[in-house]
C-alpha atoms as a PDB file:
ATOM      1  CA  UNK A   1     206.242  27.646 128.441  1.00  0.00           C
ATOM      2  CA  UNK A   2     206.370  24.042 129.664  1.00  0.00           C
ATOM      3  CA  UNK A   3     209.716  23.491 127.905  1.00  0.00           C
ATOM      4  CA  UNK A   4     211.575  26.247 129.736  1.00  0.00           C
ATOM      5  CA  UNK A   5     214.681  25.127 131.588  1.00  0.00           C
ATOM      6  CA  UNK A   6     214.683  25.379 135.339  1.00  0.00           C
ATOM      7  CA  UNK A   7     217.575  26.302 137.596  1.00  0.00           C
ATOM      8  CA  UNK A   8     217.947  22.723 138.808  1.00  0.00           C
ATOM      9  CA  UNK A   9     221.395  21.160 138.622  1.00  0.00           C
ATOM     10  CA  UNK A  10     221.771  18.317 136.125  1.00  0.00           C
ATOM     11  CA  UNK A  11     222.352  14.928 137.765  1.00  0.00           C
ATOM     12  CA  UNK A  12     225.307  12.853 136.550  1.00  0.00           C
ATOM     13  CA  UNK A  13     225.601   9.085 136.948  1.00  0.00           C
ATOM     14  CA  UNK A  14     228.522   6.747 136.302  1.00  0.00           C
ATOM     15  CA  UNK A  15     227.480   3.332 134.959  1.00  0.00           C
ATOM     16  CA  UNK A  16     229.095   0.614 137.097  1.00  0.00           C
ATOM     17  CA  UNK A  17     229.374  -2.648 135.156  1.00  0.00           C
ATOM     18  CA  UNK A  18     228.139  -5.669 137.057  1.00  0.00           C
ATOM     19  CA  UNK A  19     230.352  -8.736 136.756  1.00  0.00           C
ATOM     20  CA  UNK A  20     230.748 -11.751 139.045  1.00  0.00           C
ATOM     21  CA  UNK A  21     233.772  -9.962 140.575  1.00  0.00           C
ATOM     22  CA  UNK A  22     231.923  -6.678 141.253  1.00  0.00           C
ATOM     23  CA  UNK A  23     231.585  -5.898 144.949  1.00  0.00           C
ATOM     24  CA  UNK A  24     228.389  -3.987 145.777  1.00  0.00           C
ATOM     25  CA  UNK A  25     228.056  -2.151 149.090  1.00  0.00           C
ATOM     26  CA  UNK A  26     224.872  -2.249 151.165  1.00  0.00           C
ATOM     27  CA  UNK A  27     224.005   1.233 149.914  1.00  0.00           C
ATOM     28  CA  UNK A  28     223.661  -0.006 146.305  1.00  0.00           C
ATOM     29  CA  UNK A  29     222.386  -3.590 146.819  1.00  0.00           C
ATOM     30  CA  UNK A  30     218.770  -2.691 145.956  1.00  0.00           C
ATOM     31  CA  UNK A  31     219.554  -0.407 142.989  1.00  0.00           C
ATOM     32  CA  UNK A  32     217.825  -1.020 139.711  1.00  0.00           C
ATOM     33  CA  UNK A  33     219.959  -3.060 137.309  1.00  0.00           C
ATOM     34  CA  UNK A  34     219.756  -1.844 133.731  1.00  0.00           C
ATOM     35  CA  UNK A  35     221.463  -2.376 130.415  1.00  0.00           C
ATOM     36  CA  UNK A  36     223.845   0.409 129.422  1.00  0.00           C
ATOM     37  CA  UNK A  37     226.276   0.974 126.621  1.00  0.00           C
ATOM     38  CA  UNK A  38     229.868   1.388 127.786  1.00  0.00           C
ATOM     39  CA  UNK A  39     232.077   2.066 124.811  1.00  0.00           C
ATOM     40  CA  UNK A  40     230.685  -0.190 122.104  1.00  0.00           C
ATOM     41  CA  UNK A  41     229.503  -2.928 124.501  1.00  0.00           C
ATOM     42  CA  UNK A  42     226.077  -3.447 126.081  1.00  0.00           C
ATOM     43  CA  UNK A  43     226.504  -4.457 129.731  1.00  0.00           C
ATOM     44  CA  UNK A  44     224.423  -4.802 132.904  1.00  0.00           C
ATOM     45  CA  UNK A  45     225.019  -1.784 135.163  1.00  0.00           C
ATOM     46  CA  UNK A  46     223.839   0.179 138.139  1.00  0.00           C
ATOM     47  CA  UNK A  47     224.064   3.956 138.105  1.00  0.00           C
ATOM     48  CA  UNK A  48     226.272   5.634 140.713  1.00  0.00           C
ATOM     49  CA  UNK A  49     225.652   9.351 141.427  1.00  0.00           C
ATOM     50  CA  UNK A  50     228.663  11.516 140.580  1.00  0.00           C
ATOM     51  CA  UNK A  51     229.707  15.118 140.153  1.00  0.00           C
ATOM     52  CA  UNK A  52     230.122  16.577 136.683  1.00  0.00           C
ATOM     53  CA  UNK A  53     233.914  16.399 137.022  1.00  0.00           C
ATOM     54  CA  UNK A  54     233.870  12.750 138.130  1.00  0.00           C
ATOM     55  CA  UNK A  55     231.498  11.837 135.313  1.00  0.00           C
ATOM     56  CA  UNK A  56     233.642  13.423 132.603  1.00  0.00           C
ATOM     57  CA  UNK A  57     236.860  11.999 134.090  1.00  0.00           C
ATOM     58  CA  UNK A  58     235.351   8.490 133.940  1.00  0.00           C
ATOM     59  CA  UNK A  59     233.583   8.749 130.571  1.00  0.00           C
ATOM     60  CA  UNK A  60     236.113  10.636 128.384  1.00  0.00           C
ATOM     61  CA  UNK A  61     238.476   7.659 127.906  1.00  0.00           C
ATOM     62  CA  UNK A  62     235.486   5.455 127.044  1.00  0.00           C
ATOM     63  CA  UNK A  63     234.198   7.979 124.535  1.00  0.00           C
ATOM     64  CA  UNK A  64     237.697   8.372 123.073  1.00  0.00           C
ATOM     65  CA  UNK A  65     238.103   4.593 122.598  1.00  0.00           C
ATOM     66  CA  UNK A  66     234.611   4.290 121.113  1.00  0.00           C
ATOM     67  CA  UNK A  67     235.348   7.056 118.611  1.00  0.00           C
ATOM     68  CA  UNK A  68     238.716   5.460 117.729  1.00  0.00           C
ATOM     69  CA  UNK A  69     236.982   2.148 117.039  1.00  0.00           C
ATOM     70  CA  UNK A  70     234.371   3.886 114.901  1.00  0.00           C
ATOM     71  CA  UNK A  71     237.122   5.463 112.793  1.00  0.00           C
ATOM     72  CA  UNK A  72     239.542   2.546 112.596  1.00  0.00           C
ATOM     73  CA  UNK A  73     237.552  -0.519 113.641  1.00  0.00           C
ATOM     74  CA  UNK A  74     237.169  -1.868 110.128  1.00  0.00           C
ATOM     75  CA  UNK A  75     240.954  -1.636 109.600  1.00  0.00           C
ATOM     76  CA  UNK A  76     241.735  -3.691 112.726  1.00  0.00           C
ATOM     77  CA  UNK A  77     239.499  -6.669 111.921  1.00  0.00           C
END
Protein backbone atom coordinates (compact mmCIF):
# COMPACT_ATOMS: atom_id res chain seq x y z
CA UNK A 1 0.00 0.00 0.00
CA UNK A 2 2.87 2.40 0.70
CA UNK A 3 3.99 2.24 -2.94
CA UNK A 4 0.72 3.48 -4.41
CA UNK A 5 1.01 6.56 -6.58
CA UNK A 6 -0.64 9.72 -5.39
CA UNK A 7 -2.40 12.35 -7.47
CA UNK A 8 0.45 14.82 -7.00
CA UNK A 9 1.91 16.41 -10.11
CA UNK A 10 5.48 15.40 -10.95
CA UNK A 11 7.99 18.25 -10.56
CA UNK A 12 10.32 18.97 -13.48
CA UNK A 13 13.66 20.77 -13.18
CA UNK A 14 16.02 22.06 -15.86
CA UNK A 15 19.71 21.77 -14.92
CA UNK A 16 21.39 25.16 -15.41
CA UNK A 17 25.14 24.75 -15.93
CA UNK A 18 27.23 27.05 -13.79
CA UNK A 19 30.15 28.66 -15.60
CA UNK A 20 32.07 31.87 -14.87
CA UNK A 21 29.79 33.60 -17.42
CA UNK A 22 26.52 32.36 -15.85
CA UNK A 23 24.41 35.17 -14.41
CA UNK A 24 22.38 34.08 -11.37
CA UNK A 25 19.43 36.18 -10.19
CA UNK A 26 18.79 36.90 -6.51
CA UNK A 27 16.05 34.27 -6.52
CA UNK A 28 18.57 31.47 -7.23
CA UNK A 29 21.71 32.76 -5.45
CA UNK A 30 21.26 30.43 -2.44
CA UNK A 31 20.26 27.31 -4.42
CA UNK A 32 22.09 24.09 -3.80
CA UNK A 33 24.85 23.49 -6.35
CA UNK A 34 25.08 19.88 -7.47
CA UNK A 35 26.80 17.79 -10.09
CA UNK A 36 24.56 16.76 -12.98
CA UNK A 37 25.06 14.98 -16.24
CA UNK A 38 24.18 17.09 -19.28
CA UNK A 39 24.64 15.03 -22.40
CA UNK A 40 27.77 13.02 -21.72
CA UNK A 41 29.42 15.67 -19.50
CA UNK A 42 29.36 16.03 -15.71
CA UNK A 43 28.91 19.70 -14.80
CA UNK A 44 28.06 21.85 -11.77
CA UNK A 45 24.40 22.93 -11.94
CA UNK A 46 21.48 24.39 -10.09
CA UNK A 47 17.99 23.08 -10.76
CA UNK A 48 15.42 25.50 -12.17
CA UNK A 49 11.72 24.57 -11.80
CA UNK A 50 9.99 24.10 -15.15
CA UNK A 51 6.80 22.80 -16.69
CA UNK A 52 6.75 19.42 -18.39
CA UNK A 53 6.73 21.09 -21.81
CA UNK A 54 9.69 23.35 -20.98
CA UNK A 55 11.63 20.41 -19.57
CA UNK A 56 11.16 18.24 -22.65
CA UNK A 57 11.86 21.16 -25.02
CA UNK A 58 15.19 21.77 -23.24
CA UNK A 59 16.25 18.14 -22.71
CA UNK A 60 15.29 16.45 -26.02
CA UNK A 61 18.19 17.92 -28.05
CA UNK A 62 20.60 16.93 -25.27
CA UNK A 63 19.24 13.40 -25.18
CA UNK A 64 19.37 13.21 -28.98
CA UNK A 65 23.04 14.30 -29.07
CA UNK A 66 23.94 11.91 -26.25
CA UNK A 67 22.31 9.01 -28.08
CA UNK A 68 24.07 9.99 -31.34
CA UNK A 69 27.42 9.98 -29.55
CA UNK A 70 26.67 6.59 -28.01
CA UNK A 71 25.96 5.16 -31.47
CA UNK A 72 28.69 6.88 -33.45
CA UNK A 73 31.17 8.19 -30.89
CA UNK A 74 33.75 5.50 -31.52
CA UNK A 75 33.68 6.28 -35.27
CA UNK A 76 34.38 9.99 -34.74
CA UNK A 77 37.48 9.59 -32.55
